């Protein structure tokens, strides 16, 4: 499995990419905020999370084309 892990202080070195990563792991300083997560959705409160899911289901607030959208990156990863 290919994986990219980003964490820590920058080392100011160039990064070369020869293949698409299968996963990406990001790390940073904690912001001491609550987290609510459901599937791919992550918000800070349960009510925000529920509203985001409703927006997704209704195709509102940035999700207008979600039902028909296809990832070209995902297609490349499985070639």
PDB file of N, CA and C in Angstrom:
ATOM      1  N   UNK A   1       0.845  -1.180   0.000  1.00  0.00           N
ATOM      2  CA  UNK A   1       0.000   0.000   0.000  1.00  0.00           C
ATOM      3  C   UNK A   1       0.885   1.236   0.000  1.00  0.00           C
ATOM      4  N   UNK A   2       0.546   2.191  -0.826  1.00  0.00           N
ATOM      5  CA  UNK A   2       1.278   3.450  -0.848  1.00  0.00           C
ATOM      6  C   UNK A   2       0.613   4.418   0.113  1.00  0.00           C
ATOM      7  N   UNK A   3       1.419   5.204   0.795  1.00  0.00           N
ATOM      8  CA  UNK A   3       0.857   6.135   1.766  1.00  0.00           C
ATOM      9  C   UNK A   3       1.751   7.364   1.870  1.00  0.00           C
ATOM     10  N   UNK A   4       1.143   8.522   2.072  1.00  0.00           N
ATOM     11  CA  UNK A   4       1.870   9.764   2.300  1.00  0.00           C
ATOM     12  C   UNK A   4       1.564  10.198   3.723  1.00  0.00           C
ATOM     13  N   UNK A   5       2.586  10.488   4.501  1.00  0.00           N
ATOM     14  CA  UNK A   5       2.406  10.963   5.869  1.00  0.00           C
ATOM     15  C   UNK A   5       3.059  12.326   5.987  1.00  0.00           C
ATOM     16  N   UNK A   6       2.284  13.323   6.396  1.00  0.00           N
ATOM     17  CA  UNK A   6       2.800  14.674   6.574  1.00  0.00           C
ATOM     18  C   UNK A   6       2.685  15.037   8.041  1.00  0.00           C
ATOM     19  N   UNK A   7       3.808  15.332   8.662  1.00  0.00           N
ATOM     20  CA  UNK A   7       3.788  15.659  10.079  1.00  0.00           C
ATOM     21  C   UNK A   7       5.091  16.339  10.459  1.00  0.00           C
ATOM     22  N   UNK A   8       5.044  17.135  11.497  1.00  0.00           N
ATOM     23  CA  UNK A   8       6.264  17.714  12.038  1.00  0.00           C
ATOM     24  C   UNK A   8       6.666  19.019  11.384  1.00  0.00           C
ATOM     25  N   UNK A   9       7.891  19.429  11.673  1.00  0.00           N
ATOM     26  CA  UNK A   9       8.422  20.685  11.160  1.00  0.00           C
ATOM     27  C   UNK A   9       8.842  20.528   9.700  1.00  0.00           C
ATOM     28  N   UNK A  10       8.681  21.585   8.897  1.00  0.00           N
ATOM     29  CA  UNK A  10       9.135  21.497   7.506  1.00  0.00           C
ATOM     30  C   UNK A  10      10.651  21.331   7.435  1.00  0.00           C
ATOM     31  N   UNK A  11      11.110  20.549   6.473  1.00  0.00           N
ATOM     32  CA  UNK A  11      12.552  20.348   6.312  1.00  0.00           C
ATOM     33  C   UNK A  11      13.087  21.077   5.084  1.00  0.00           C
ATOM     34  N   UNK A  12      12.214  21.805   4.398  1.00  0.00           N
ATOM     35  CA  UNK A  12      12.603  22.611   3.236  1.00  0.00           C
ATOM     36  C   UNK A  12      13.341  21.805   2.173  1.00  0.00           C
ATOM     37  N   UNK A  13      12.837  20.623   1.909  1.00  0.00           N
ATOM     38  CA  UNK A  13      13.392  19.764   0.865  1.00  0.00           C
ATOM     39  C   UNK A  13      12.316  19.532  -0.188  1.00  0.00           C
ATOM     40  N   UNK A  14      12.707  19.442  -1.461  1.00  0.00           N
ATOM     41  CA  UNK A  14      11.713  19.171  -2.503  1.00  0.00           C
ATOM     42  C   UNK A  14      11.130  17.766  -2.349  1.00  0.00           C
ATOM     43  N   UNK A  15       9.896  17.617  -2.789  1.00  0.00           N
ATOM     44  CA  UNK A  15       9.219  16.321  -2.744  1.00  0.00           C
ATOM     45  C   UNK A  15       8.973  15.874  -4.177  1.00  0.00           C
ATOM     46  N   UNK A  16       9.346  14.665  -4.483  1.00  0.00           N
ATOM     47  CA  UNK A  16       9.099  14.083  -5.799  1.00  0.00           C
ATOM     48  C   UNK A  16       7.991  13.051  -5.671  1.00  0.00           C
ATOM     49  N   UNK A  17       7.110  13.021  -6.648  1.00  0.00           N
ATOM     50  CA  UNK A  17       6.037  12.038  -6.635  1.00  0.00           C
ATOM     51  C   UNK A  17       6.118  11.225  -7.913  1.00  0.00           C
ATOM     52  N   UNK A  18       6.158   9.919  -7.764  1.00  0.00           N
ATOM     53  CA  UNK A  18       6.249   9.035  -8.919  1.00  0.00           C
ATOM     54  C   UNK A  18       4.990   8.204  -9.120  1.00  0.00           C
ATOM     55  N   UNK A  19       4.120   8.174  -8.142  1.00  0.00           N
ATOM     56  CA  UNK A  19       2.869   7.422  -8.253  1.00  0.00           C
ATOM     57  C   UNK A  19       1.826   8.091  -7.369  1.00  0.00           C
ATOM     58  N   UNK A  20       0.571   7.823  -7.652  1.00  0.00           N
ATOM     59  CA  UNK A  20      -0.494   8.378  -6.824  1.00  0.00           C
ATOM     60  C   UNK A  20      -0.541   7.665  -5.480  1.00  0.00           C
ATOM     61  N   UNK A  21      -0.628   8.411  -4.390  1.00  0.00           N
ATOM     62  CA  UNK A  21      -0.758   7.745  -3.090  1.00  0.00           C
ATOM     63  C   UNK A  21      -2.149   7.133  -2.938  1.00  0.00           C
ATOM     64  N   UNK A  22      -2.226   6.083  -2.180  1.00  0.00           N
ATOM     65  CA  UNK A  22      -3.506   5.447  -1.898  1.00  0.00           C
ATOM     66  C   UNK A  22      -4.155   6.096  -0.676  1.00  0.00           C
ATOM     67  N   UNK A  23      -3.345   6.544   0.264  1.00  0.00           N
ATOM     68  CA  UNK A  23      -3.897   7.234   1.431  1.00  0.00           C
ATOM     69  C   UNK A  23      -3.011   8.424   1.774  1.00  0.00           C
ATOM     70  N   UNK A  24      -3.579   9.376   2.481  1.00  0.00           N
ATOM     71  CA  UNK A  24      -2.833  10.542   2.935  1.00  0.00           C
ATOM     72  C   UNK A  24      -3.139  10.722   4.415  1.00  0.00           C
ATOM     73  N   UNK A  25      -2.105  10.870   5.231  1.00  0.00           N
ATOM     74  CA  UNK A  25      -2.266  11.097   6.660  1.00  0.00           C
ATOM     75  C   UNK A  25      -1.676  12.463   6.976  1.00  0.00           C
ATOM     76  N   UNK A  26      -2.473  13.320   7.560  1.00  0.00           N
ATOM     77  CA  UNK A  26      -2.015  14.660   7.914  1.00  0.00           C
ATOM     78  C   UNK A  26      -1.988  14.795   9.428  1.00  0.00           C
ATOM     79  N   UNK A  27      -1.057  15.571   9.913  1.00  0.00           N
ATOM     80  CA  UNK A  27      -0.950  15.778  11.351  1.00  0.00           C
ATOM     81  C   UNK A  27      -0.674  17.245  11.619  1.00  0.00           C
ATOM     82  N   UNK A  28      -1.123  17.716  12.741  1.00  0.00           N
ATOM     83  CA  UNK A  28      -0.872  19.108  13.100  1.00  0.00           C
ATOM     84  C   UNK A  28      -1.097  19.321  14.583  1.00  0.00           C
ATOM     85  N   UNK A  29      -0.988  20.559  14.995  1.00  0.00           N
ATOM     86  CA  UNK A  29      -1.204  20.882  16.397  1.00  0.00           C
ATOM     87  C   UNK A  29      -2.688  20.745  16.726  1.00  0.00           C
ATOM     88  N   UNK A  30      -3.010  20.178  17.876  1.00  0.00           N
ATOM     89  CA  UNK A  30      -4.415  20.092  18.282  1.00  0.00           C
ATOM     90  C   UNK A  30      -5.014  21.492  18.433  1.00  0.00           C
ATOM     91  N   UNK A  31      -6.262  21.644  18.027  1.00  0.00           N
ATOM     92  CA  UNK A  31      -6.920  22.947  18.148  1.00  0.00           C
ATOM     93  C   UNK A  31      -7.926  22.964  19.297  1.00  0.00           C
ATOM     94  N   UNK A  32      -7.969  21.872  20.050  1.00  0.00           N
ATOM     95  CA  UNK A  32      -8.837  21.782  21.230  1.00  0.00           C
ATOM     96  C   UNK A  32     -10.286  22.136  20.921  1.00  0.00           C
ATOM     97  N   UNK A  33     -10.796  21.578  19.836  1.00  0.00           N
ATOM     98  CA  UNK A  33     -12.191  21.742  19.445  1.00  0.00           C
ATOM     99  C   UNK A  33     -12.852  20.370  19.463  1.00  0.00           C
ATOM    100  N   UNK A  34     -14.134  20.326  19.765  1.00  0.00           N
ATOM    101  CA  UNK A  34     -14.832  19.038  19.701  1.00  0.00           C
ATOM    102  C   UNK A  34     -14.917  18.553  18.259  1.00  0.00           C
ATOM    103  N   UNK A  35     -15.056  17.253  18.085  1.00  0.00           N
ATOM    104  CA  UNK A  35     -15.152  16.670  16.746  1.00  0.00           C
ATOM    105  C   UNK A  35     -16.345  15.729  16.702  1.00  0.00           C
ATOM    106  N   UNK A  36     -17.168  15.909  15.697  1.00  0.00           N
ATOM    107  CA  UNK A  36     -18.258  14.985  15.386  1.00  0.00           C
ATOM    108  C   UNK A  36     -17.987  14.464  13.989  1.00  0.00           C
ATOM    109  N   UNK A  37     -18.055  13.152  13.800  1.00  0.00           N
ATOM    110  CA  UNK A  37     -17.731  12.559  12.508  1.00  0.00           C
ATOM    111  C   UNK A  37     -18.768  11.512  12.139  1.00  0.00           C
ATOM    112  N   UNK A  38     -19.154  11.506  10.869  1.00  0.00           N
ATOM    113  CA  UNK A  38     -20.029  10.475  10.328  1.00  0.00           C
ATOM    114  C   UNK A  38     -19.617  10.264   8.882  1.00  0.00           C
ATOM    115  N   UNK A  39     -19.118   9.084   8.560  1.00  0.00           N
ATOM    116  CA  UNK A  39     -18.625   8.827   7.205  1.00  0.00           C
ATOM    117  C   UNK A  39     -17.528   9.820   6.869  1.00  0.00           C
ATOM    118  N   UNK A  40     -17.606  10.461   5.705  1.00  0.00           N
ATOM    119  CA  UNK A  40     -16.563  11.419   5.329  1.00  0.00           C
ATOM    120  C   UNK A  40     -16.764  12.809   5.932  1.00  0.00           C
ATOM    121  N   UNK A  41     -17.855  13.000   6.657  1.00  0.00           N
ATOM    122  CA  UNK A  41     -18.184  14.325   7.180  1.00  0.00           C
ATOM    123  C   UNK A  41     -17.610  14.512   8.580  1.00  0.00           C
ATOM    124  N   UNK A  42     -16.935  15.634   8.794  1.00  0.00           N
ATOM    125  CA  UNK A  42     -16.371  15.972  10.103  1.00  0.00           C
ATOM    126  C   UNK A  42     -16.729  17.420  10.410  1.00  0.00           C
ATOM    127  N   UNK A  43     -17.382  17.625  11.533  1.00  0.00           N
ATOM    128  CA  UNK A  43     -17.777  18.968  11.965  1.00  0.00           C
ATOM    129  C   UNK A  43     -17.458  19.098  13.453  1.00  0.00           C
ATOM    130  N   UNK A  44     -17.757  20.263  14.031  1.00  0.00           N
ATOM    131  CA  UNK A  44     -17.449  20.462  15.447  1.00  0.00           C
ATOM    132  C   UNK A  44     -18.639  20.216  16.366  1.00  0.00           C
ATOM    133  N   UNK A  45     -19.858  20.183  15.831  1.00  0.00           N
ATOM    134  CA  UNK A  45     -21.024  19.875  16.666  1.00  0.00           C
ATOM    135  C   UNK A  45     -21.926  18.885  15.942  1.00  0.00           C
ATOM    136  N   UNK A  46     -22.718  18.180  16.719  1.00  0.00           N
ATOM    137  CA  UNK A  46     -23.652  17.217  16.132  1.00  0.00           C
ATOM    138  C   UNK A  46     -24.665  17.920  15.231  1.00  0.00           C
ATOM    139  N   UNK A  47     -25.127  19.105  15.644  1.00  0.00           N
ATOM    140  CA  UNK A  47     -26.110  19.817  14.812  1.00  0.00           C
ATOM    141  C   UNK A  47     -25.488  20.263  13.485  1.00  0.00           C
ATOM    142  N   UNK A  48     -24.225  20.704  13.496  1.00  0.00           N
ATOM    143  CA  UNK A  48     -23.547  21.049  12.237  1.00  0.00           C
ATOM    144  C   UNK A  48     -23.404  19.816  11.354  1.00  0.00           C
ATOM    145  N   UNK A  49     -23.080  18.700  11.968  1.00  0.00           N
ATOM    146  CA  UNK A  49     -22.927  17.453  11.229  1.00  0.00           C
ATOM    147  C   UNK A  49     -24.255  17.034  10.602  1.00  0.00           C
ATOM    148  N   UNK A  50     -25.325  17.104  11.365  1.00  0.00           N
ATOM    149  CA  UNK A  50     -26.644  16.743  10.840  1.00  0.00           C
ATOM    150  C   UNK A  50     -27.053  17.672   9.700  1.00  0.00           C
ATOM    151  N   UNK A  51     -26.765  18.968   9.835  1.00  0.00           N
ATOM    152  CA  UNK A  51     -27.099  19.917   8.772  1.00  0.00           C
ATOM    153  C   UNK A  51     -26.284  19.628   7.516  1.00  0.00           C
ATOM    154  N   UNK A  52     -25.021  19.285   7.689  1.00  0.00           N
ATOM    155  CA  UNK A  52     -24.164  18.970   6.544  1.00  0.00           C
ATOM    156  C   UNK A  52     -24.676  17.737   5.806  1.00  0.00           C
ATOM    157  N   UNK A  53     -25.097  16.735   6.544  1.00  0.00           N
ATOM    158  CA  UNK A  53     -25.644  15.525   5.918  1.00  0.00           C
ATOM    159  C   UNK A  53     -26.935  15.861   5.172  1.00  0.00           C
ATOM    160  N   UNK A  54     -27.792  16.694   5.774  1.00  0.00           N
ATOM    161  CA  UNK A  54     -29.020  17.120   5.077  1.00  0.00           C
ATOM    162  C   UNK A  54     -28.674  17.896   3.806  1.00  0.00           C
ATOM    163  N   UNK A  55     -27.687  18.794   3.900  1.00  0.00           N
ATOM    164  CA  UNK A  55     -27.266  19.551   2.717  1.00  0.00           C
ATOM    165  C   UNK A  55     -26.780  18.616   1.622  1.00  0.00           C
ATOM    166  N   UNK A  56     -26.008  17.617   1.996  1.00  0.00           N
ATOM    167  CA  UNK A  56     -25.513  16.639   1.020  1.00  0.00           C
ATOM    168  C   UNK A  56     -26.682  15.900   0.374  1.00  0.00           C
ATOM    169  N   UNK A  57     -27.605  15.429   1.199  1.00  0.00           N
ATOM    170  CA  UNK A  57     -28.749  14.679   0.676  1.00  0.00           C
ATOM    171  C   UNK A  57     -29.650  15.546  -0.203  1.00  0.00           C
ATOM    172  N   UNK A  58     -29.756  16.829   0.137  1.00  0.00           N
ATOM    173  CA  UNK A  58     -30.608  17.747  -0.623  1.00  0.00           C
ATOM    174  C   UNK A  58     -29.872  18.443  -1.767  1.00  0.00           C
ATOM    175  N   UNK A  59     -28.560  18.245  -1.872  1.00  0.00           N
ATOM    176  CA  UNK A  59     -27.784  18.886  -2.931  1.00  0.00           C
ATOM    177  C   UNK A  59     -27.668  20.387  -2.754  1.00  0.00           C
ATOM    178  N   UNK A  60     -27.419  20.845  -1.530  1.00  0.00           N
ATOM    179  CA  UNK A  60     -27.316  22.279  -1.229  1.00  0.00           C
ATOM    180  C   UNK A  60     -25.935  22.627  -0.672  1.00  0.00           C
ATOM    181  N   UNK A  61     -25.647  23.921  -0.627  1.00  0.00           N
ATOM    182  CA  UNK A  61     -24.457  24.460   0.045  1.00  0.00           C
ATOM    183  C   UNK A  61     -23.150  23.784  -0.359  1.00  0.00           C
ATOM    184  N   UNK A  62     -22.918  23.716  -1.645  1.00  0.00           N
ATOM    185  CA  UNK A  62     -21.669  23.144  -2.135  1.00  0.00           C
ATOM    186  C   UNK A  62     -21.789  21.704  -2.595  1.00  0.00           C
ATOM    187  N   UNK A  63     -22.916  21.082  -2.329  1.00  0.00           N
ATOM    188  CA  UNK A  63     -23.123  19.693  -2.741  1.00  0.00           C
ATOM    189  C   UNK A  63     -24.043  19.588  -3.956  1.00  0.00           C
ATOM    190  N   UNK A  64     -24.210  20.684  -4.691  1.00  0.00           N
ATOM    191  CA  UNK A  64     -25.156  20.698  -5.803  1.00  0.00           C
ATOM    192  C   UNK A  64     -24.877  19.616  -6.845  1.00  0.00           C
ATOM    193  N   UNK A  65     -23.631  19.316  -7.114  1.00  0.00           N
ATOM    194  CA  UNK A  65     -23.292  18.312  -8.129  1.00  0.00           C
ATOM    195  C   UNK A  65     -22.783  17.008  -7.523  1.00  0.00           C
ATOM    196  N   UNK A  66     -22.974  16.823  -6.240  1.00  0.00           N
ATOM    197  CA  UNK A  66     -22.410  15.654  -5.554  1.00  0.00           C
ATOM    198  C   UNK A  66     -22.943  14.332  -6.097  1.00  0.00           C
ATOM    199  N   UNK A  67     -24.198  14.284  -6.466  1.00  0.00           N
ATOM    200  CA  UNK A  67     -24.793  13.016  -6.912  1.00  0.00           C
ATOM    201  C   UNK A  67     -24.193  12.523  -8.225  1.00  0.00           C
ATOM    202  N   UNK A  68     -23.721  13.432  -9.061  1.00  0.00           N
ATOM    203  CA  UNK A  68     -23.195  13.024 -10.370  1.00  0.00           C
ATOM    204  C   UNK A  68     -21.683  13.175 -10.486  1.00  0.00           C
ATOM    205  N   UNK A  69     -21.025  13.616  -9.416  1.00  0.00           N
ATOM    206  CA  UNK A  69     -19.590  13.876  -9.464  1.00  0.00           C
ATOM    207  C   UNK A  69     -18.798  12.580  -9.398  1.00  0.00           C
ATOM    208  N   UNK A  70     -17.767  12.483 -10.237  1.00  0.00           N
ATOM    209  CA  UNK A  70     -16.849  11.347 -10.216  1.00  0.00           C
ATOM    210  C   UNK A  70     -15.434  11.870 -10.052  1.00  0.00           C
ATOM    211  N   UNK A  71     -14.649  11.189  -9.263  1.00  0.00           N
ATOM    212  CA  UNK A  71     -13.271  11.592  -9.019  1.00  0.00           C
ATOM    213  C   UNK A  71     -12.359  11.057 -10.108  1.00  0.00           C
ATOM    214  N   UNK A  72     -11.694  11.949 -10.818  1.00  0.00           N
ATOM    215  CA  UNK A  72     -10.739  11.501 -11.831  1.00  0.00           C
ATOM    216  C   UNK A  72      -9.479  10.948 -11.168  1.00  0.00           C
ATOM    217  N   UNK A  73      -9.168  11.410  -9.975  1.00  0.00           N
ATOM    218  CA  UNK A  73      -8.005  10.892  -9.251  1.00  0.00           C
ATOM    219  C   UNK A  73      -8.250   9.444  -8.846  1.00  0.00           C
ATOM    220  N   UNK A  74      -9.436   9.140  -8.369  1.00  0.00           N
ATOM    221  CA  UNK A  74      -9.752   7.764  -7.980  1.00  0.00           C
ATOM    222  C   UNK A  74      -9.648   6.830  -9.181  1.00  0.00           C
ATOM    223  N   UNK A  75     -10.068   7.304 -10.333  1.00  0.00           N
ATOM    224  CA  UNK A  75      -9.974   6.477 -11.537  1.00  0.00           C
ATOM    225  C   UNK A  75      -8.516   6.173 -11.878  1.00  0.00           C
ATOM    226  N   UNK A  76      -7.631   7.143 -11.706  1.00  0.00           N
ATOM    227  CA  UNK A  76      -6.209   6.936 -11.989  1.00  0.00           C
ATOM    228  C   UNK A  76      -5.571   5.956 -11.008  1.00  0.00           C
ATOM    229  N   UNK A  77      -6.017   5.992  -9.778  1.00  0.00           N
ATOM    230  CA  UNK A  77      -5.411   5.153  -8.744  1.00  0.00           C
ATOM    231  C   UNK A  77      -5.626   3.668  -9.000  1.00  0.00           C
ATOM    232  N   UNK A  78      -6.680   3.322  -9.700  1.00  0.00           N
ATOM    233  CA  UNK A  78      -6.992   1.906  -9.894  1.00  0.00           C
ATOM    234  C   UNK A  78      -6.726   1.427 -11.311  1.00  0.00           C
ATOM    235  N   UNK A  79      -5.900   2.138 -12.051  1.00  0.00           N
ATOM    236  CA  UNK A  79      -5.553   1.703 -13.411  1.00  0.00           C
ATOM    237  C   UNK A  79      -4.449   0.677 -13.373  1.00  0.00           C
TER     238      UNK A  79
END
